[in-house]
Amino acid sequence: MRRRTGSGVRVDGLFVSPVPAMGASGAVLASAHLATRRFAELADAWRTGDAGRARPLGHALARLSAALFREPSPTVLKAVLYEQGVIPTPAVRLPLLPAGEDTVAEALKRLGELEG
């Protein structure tokens, strides 16, 4: 894929698993702030050709990404980082509004599924 598209192609986090499966060399993902180890495992699985490990992990990470971006970025991501005690406030600047409680709960649930 990289040979055909060059190095300037950017991909949404929802496609973090299928794109490396087609030969992409990596990704820069806001979602990886929350599940860094799992995203690294996914990259390693595709790099070593372990599709049996990569596919289910990729699906789980896509569910996390979908939850994190259900509302405008970075509102949900910041709220989850706040809930984890990583940042001091979930506040975002206008025109953004704080993420909804249900959305944050869904993101925390998906993150919990990944952390086992």
C-alpha atoms as a PDB file:
ATOM      1  CA  MET A   1       0.000   0.000   0.000  1.00  0.00           C
ATOM      2  CA  ARG A   2       2.734   2.457   0.918  1.00  0.00           C
ATOM      3  CA  ARG A   3       4.450   1.789  -2.399  1.00  0.00           C
ATOM      4  CA  ARG A   4       1.274   2.841  -4.217  1.00  0.00           C
ATOM      5  CA  THR A   5       0.188   5.773  -2.061  1.00  0.00           C
ATOM      6  CA  GLY A   6       3.407   7.264  -0.731  1.00  0.00           C
ATOM      7  CA  SER A   7       4.000   8.271   2.867  1.00  0.00           C
ATOM      8  CA  GLY A   8       1.488  11.123   3.027  1.00  0.00           C
ATOM      9  CA  VAL A   9      -1.678   9.051   3.431  1.00  0.00           C
ATOM     10  CA  ARG A  10      -3.580   9.438   6.728  1.00  0.00           C
ATOM     11  CA  VAL A  11      -6.199   6.999   7.980  1.00  0.00           C
ATOM     12  CA  ASP A  12      -8.981   7.245  10.556  1.00  0.00           C
ATOM     13  CA  GLY A  13      -8.513   5.233  13.759  1.00  0.00           C
ATOM     14  CA  LEU A  14     -11.411   2.960  12.889  1.00  0.00           C
ATOM     15  CA  PHE A  15      -9.270   1.497  10.122  1.00  0.00           C
ATOM     16  CA  VAL A  16      -6.170   0.898  12.213  1.00  0.00           C
ATOM     17  CA  SER A  17      -6.399  -2.865  11.727  1.00  0.00           C
ATOM     18  CA  PRO A  18      -7.354  -3.390   8.078  1.00  0.00           C
ATOM     19  CA  VAL A  19      -4.921  -0.809   6.733  1.00  0.00           C
ATOM     20  CA  PRO A  20      -1.778  -2.440   8.209  1.00  0.00           C
ATOM     21  CA  ALA A  21      -3.153  -5.745   6.951  1.00  0.00           C
ATOM     22  CA  MET A  22      -2.844  -4.245   3.466  1.00  0.00           C
ATOM     23  CA  GLY A  23       0.741  -3.176   4.073  1.00  0.00           C
ATOM     24  CA  ALA A  24       0.654   0.234   5.760  1.00  0.00           C
ATOM     25  CA  SER A  25       3.717   0.886   7.885  1.00  0.00           C
ATOM     26  CA  GLY A  26       2.051   2.470  10.922  1.00  0.00           C
ATOM     27  CA  ALA A  27      -0.318   5.057  12.290  1.00  0.00           C
ATOM     28  CA  VAL A  28      -0.521   8.065  14.580  1.00  0.00           C
ATOM     29  CA  LEU A  29      -3.657   7.684  16.661  1.00  0.00           C
ATOM     30  CA  ALA A  30      -5.188   9.779  19.424  1.00  0.00           C
ATOM     31  CA  SER A  31      -6.890   6.582  20.643  1.00  0.00           C
ATOM     32  CA  ALA A  32      -3.485   5.122  21.445  1.00  0.00           C
ATOM     33  CA  HIS A  33      -3.236   7.479  24.432  1.00  0.00           C
ATOM     34  CA  LEU A  34      -5.605   5.091  26.177  1.00  0.00           C
ATOM     35  CA  ALA A  35      -4.648   1.621  24.989  1.00  0.00           C
ATOM     36  CA  THR A  36      -1.044   2.091  23.948  1.00  0.00           C
ATOM     37  CA  ARG A  37       0.070  -1.463  24.702  1.00  0.00           C
ATOM     38  CA  ARG A  38      -2.868  -2.954  22.792  1.00  0.00           C
ATOM     39  CA  PHE A  39      -2.235  -0.773  19.716  1.00  0.00           C
ATOM     40  CA  ALA A  40       1.428  -1.821  19.811  1.00  0.00           C
ATOM     41  CA  GLU A  41       0.322  -5.473  20.023  1.00  0.00           C
ATOM     42  CA  LEU A  42      -1.881  -4.945  16.982  1.00  0.00           C
ATOM     43  CA  ALA A  43       0.967  -3.450  14.962  1.00  0.00           C
ATOM     44  CA  ASP A  44       3.238  -6.315  16.010  1.00  0.00           C
ATOM     45  CA  ALA A  45       0.628  -8.933  15.100  1.00  0.00           C
ATOM     46  CA  TRP A  46       0.197  -7.555  11.576  1.00  0.00           C
ATOM     47  CA  ARG A  47       3.948  -7.058  11.154  1.00  0.00           C
ATOM     48  CA  THR A  48       4.569 -10.725  12.015  1.00  0.00           C
ATOM     49  CA  GLY A  49       1.629 -11.981   9.942  1.00  0.00           C
ATOM     50  CA  ASP A  50      -0.404 -13.171  12.940  1.00  0.00           C
ATOM     51  CA  ALA A  51      -3.864 -12.421  11.528  1.00  0.00           C
ATOM     52  CA  GLY A  52      -5.502 -14.711  14.082  1.00  0.00           C
ATOM     53  CA  ARG A  53      -4.318 -12.410  16.855  1.00  0.00           C
ATOM     54  CA  ALA A  54      -4.655  -9.152  14.918  1.00  0.00           C
ATOM     55  CA  ARG A  55      -8.251  -9.459  13.723  1.00  0.00           C
ATOM     56  CA  PRO A  56     -10.054  -9.753  17.084  1.00  0.00           C
ATOM     57  CA  LEU A  57      -7.766  -7.165  18.657  1.00  0.00           C
ATOM     58  CA  GLY A  58      -8.364  -4.833  15.713  1.00  0.00           C
ATOM     59  CA  HIS A  59     -12.121  -5.219  16.123  1.00  0.00           C
ATOM     60  CA  ALA A  60     -11.889  -4.404  19.835  1.00  0.00           C
ATOM     61  CA  LEU A  61      -9.712  -1.359  19.159  1.00  0.00           C
ATOM     62  CA  ALA A  62     -12.126  -0.178  16.461  1.00  0.00           C
ATOM     63  CA  ARG A  63     -14.955  -0.357  19.018  1.00  0.00           C
ATOM     64  CA  LEU A  64     -12.865   1.781  21.376  1.00  0.00           C
ATOM     65  CA  SER A  65     -12.114   4.290  18.607  1.00  0.00           C
ATOM     66  CA  ALA A  66     -15.791   4.464  17.641  1.00  0.00           C
ATOM     67  CA  ALA A  67     -16.705   5.223  21.256  1.00  0.00           C
ATOM     68  CA  LEU A  68     -13.974   7.849  21.587  1.00  0.00           C
ATOM     69  CA  PHE A  69     -15.095   9.690  18.476  1.00  0.00           C
ATOM     70  CA  ARG A  70     -18.856   9.447  18.937  1.00  0.00           C
ATOM     71  CA  GLU A  71     -18.672  13.114  19.910  1.00  0.00           C
ATOM     72  CA  PRO A  72     -16.257  15.765  18.612  1.00  0.00           C
ATOM     73  CA  SER A  73     -12.601  15.086  19.288  1.00  0.00           C
ATOM     74  CA  PRO A  74     -10.980  15.416  21.807  1.00  0.00           C
ATOM     75  CA  THR A  75     -13.941  15.685  24.195  1.00  0.00           C
ATOM     76  CA  VAL A  76     -14.387  11.990  24.978  1.00  0.00           C
ATOM     77  CA  LEU A  77     -10.667  11.255  25.008  1.00  0.00           C
ATOM     78  CA  LYS A  78     -10.055  14.061  27.506  1.00  0.00           C
ATOM     79  CA  ALA A  79     -12.951  12.919  29.687  1.00  0.00           C
ATOM     80  CA  VAL A  80     -11.572   9.375  29.837  1.00  0.00           C
ATOM     81  CA  LEU A  81      -8.054  10.608  30.597  1.00  0.00           C
ATOM     82  CA  TYR A  82      -9.568  12.736  33.372  1.00  0.00           C
ATOM     83  CA  GLU A  83     -11.488   9.752  34.785  1.00  0.00           C
ATOM     84  CA  GLN A  84      -8.206   7.827  34.858  1.00  0.00           C
ATOM     85  CA  GLY A  85      -6.501  10.653  36.750  1.00  0.00           C
ATOM     86  CA  VAL A  86      -4.068  11.306  33.907  1.00  0.00           C
ATOM     87  CA  ILE A  87      -5.091  14.927  33.318  1.00  0.00           C
ATOM     88  CA  PRO A  88      -6.422  17.450  35.864  1.00  0.00           C
ATOM     89  CA  THR A  89      -9.574  18.471  33.989  1.00  0.00           C
ATOM     90  CA  PRO A  90     -11.774  17.250  31.145  1.00  0.00           C
ATOM     91  CA  ALA A  91     -12.407  20.850  30.059  1.00  0.00           C
ATOM     92  CA  VAL A  92     -12.382  21.689  26.363  1.00  0.00           C
ATOM     93  CA  ARG A  93     -12.386  25.073  24.660  1.00  0.00           C
ATOM     94  CA  LEU A  94     -15.407  26.598  22.977  1.00  0.00           C
ATOM     95  CA  PRO A  95     -17.033  25.904  20.612  1.00  0.00           C
ATOM     96  CA  LEU A  96     -16.639  22.354  21.958  1.00  0.00           C
ATOM     97  CA  LEU A  97     -18.797  21.206  24.837  1.00  0.00           C
ATOM     98  CA  PRO A  98     -17.865  18.509  27.363  1.00  0.00           C
ATOM     99  CA  ALA A  99     -18.563  14.929  26.342  1.00  0.00           C
ATOM    100  CA  GLY A 100     -21.840  13.422  27.493  1.00  0.00           C
ATOM    101  CA  GLU A 101     -21.848  11.044  30.459  1.00  0.00           C
ATOM    102  CA  ASP A 102     -23.250   8.141  28.414  1.00  0.00           C
ATOM    103  CA  THR A 103     -20.577   8.554  25.767  1.00  0.00           C
ATOM    104  CA  VAL A 104     -17.804   8.638  28.354  1.00  0.00           C
ATOM    105  CA  ALA A 105     -19.261   5.563  30.069  1.00  0.00           C
ATOM    106  CA  GLU A 106     -19.279   3.702  26.747  1.00  0.00           C
ATOM    107  CA  ALA A 107     -15.649   4.635  26.080  1.00  0.00           C
ATOM    108  CA  LEU A 108     -14.633   3.503  29.574  1.00  0.00           C
ATOM    109  CA  LYS A 109     -16.496   0.226  29.026  1.00  0.00           C
ATOM    110  CA  ARG A 110     -14.694  -0.404  25.726  1.00  0.00           C
ATOM    111  CA  LEU A 111     -11.366   0.455  27.321  1.00  0.00           C
ATOM    112  CA  GLY A 112     -12.105  -1.937  30.185  1.00  0.00           C
ATOM    113  CA  GLU A 113     -12.802  -4.723  27.694  1.00  0.00           C
ATOM    114  CA  LEU A 114      -9.326  -4.217  26.252  1.00  0.00           C
ATOM    115  CA  GLU A 115      -7.624  -4.139  29.618  1.00  0.00           C
ATOM    116  CA  GLY A 116      -9.261  -7.417  30.595  1.00  0.00           C
END
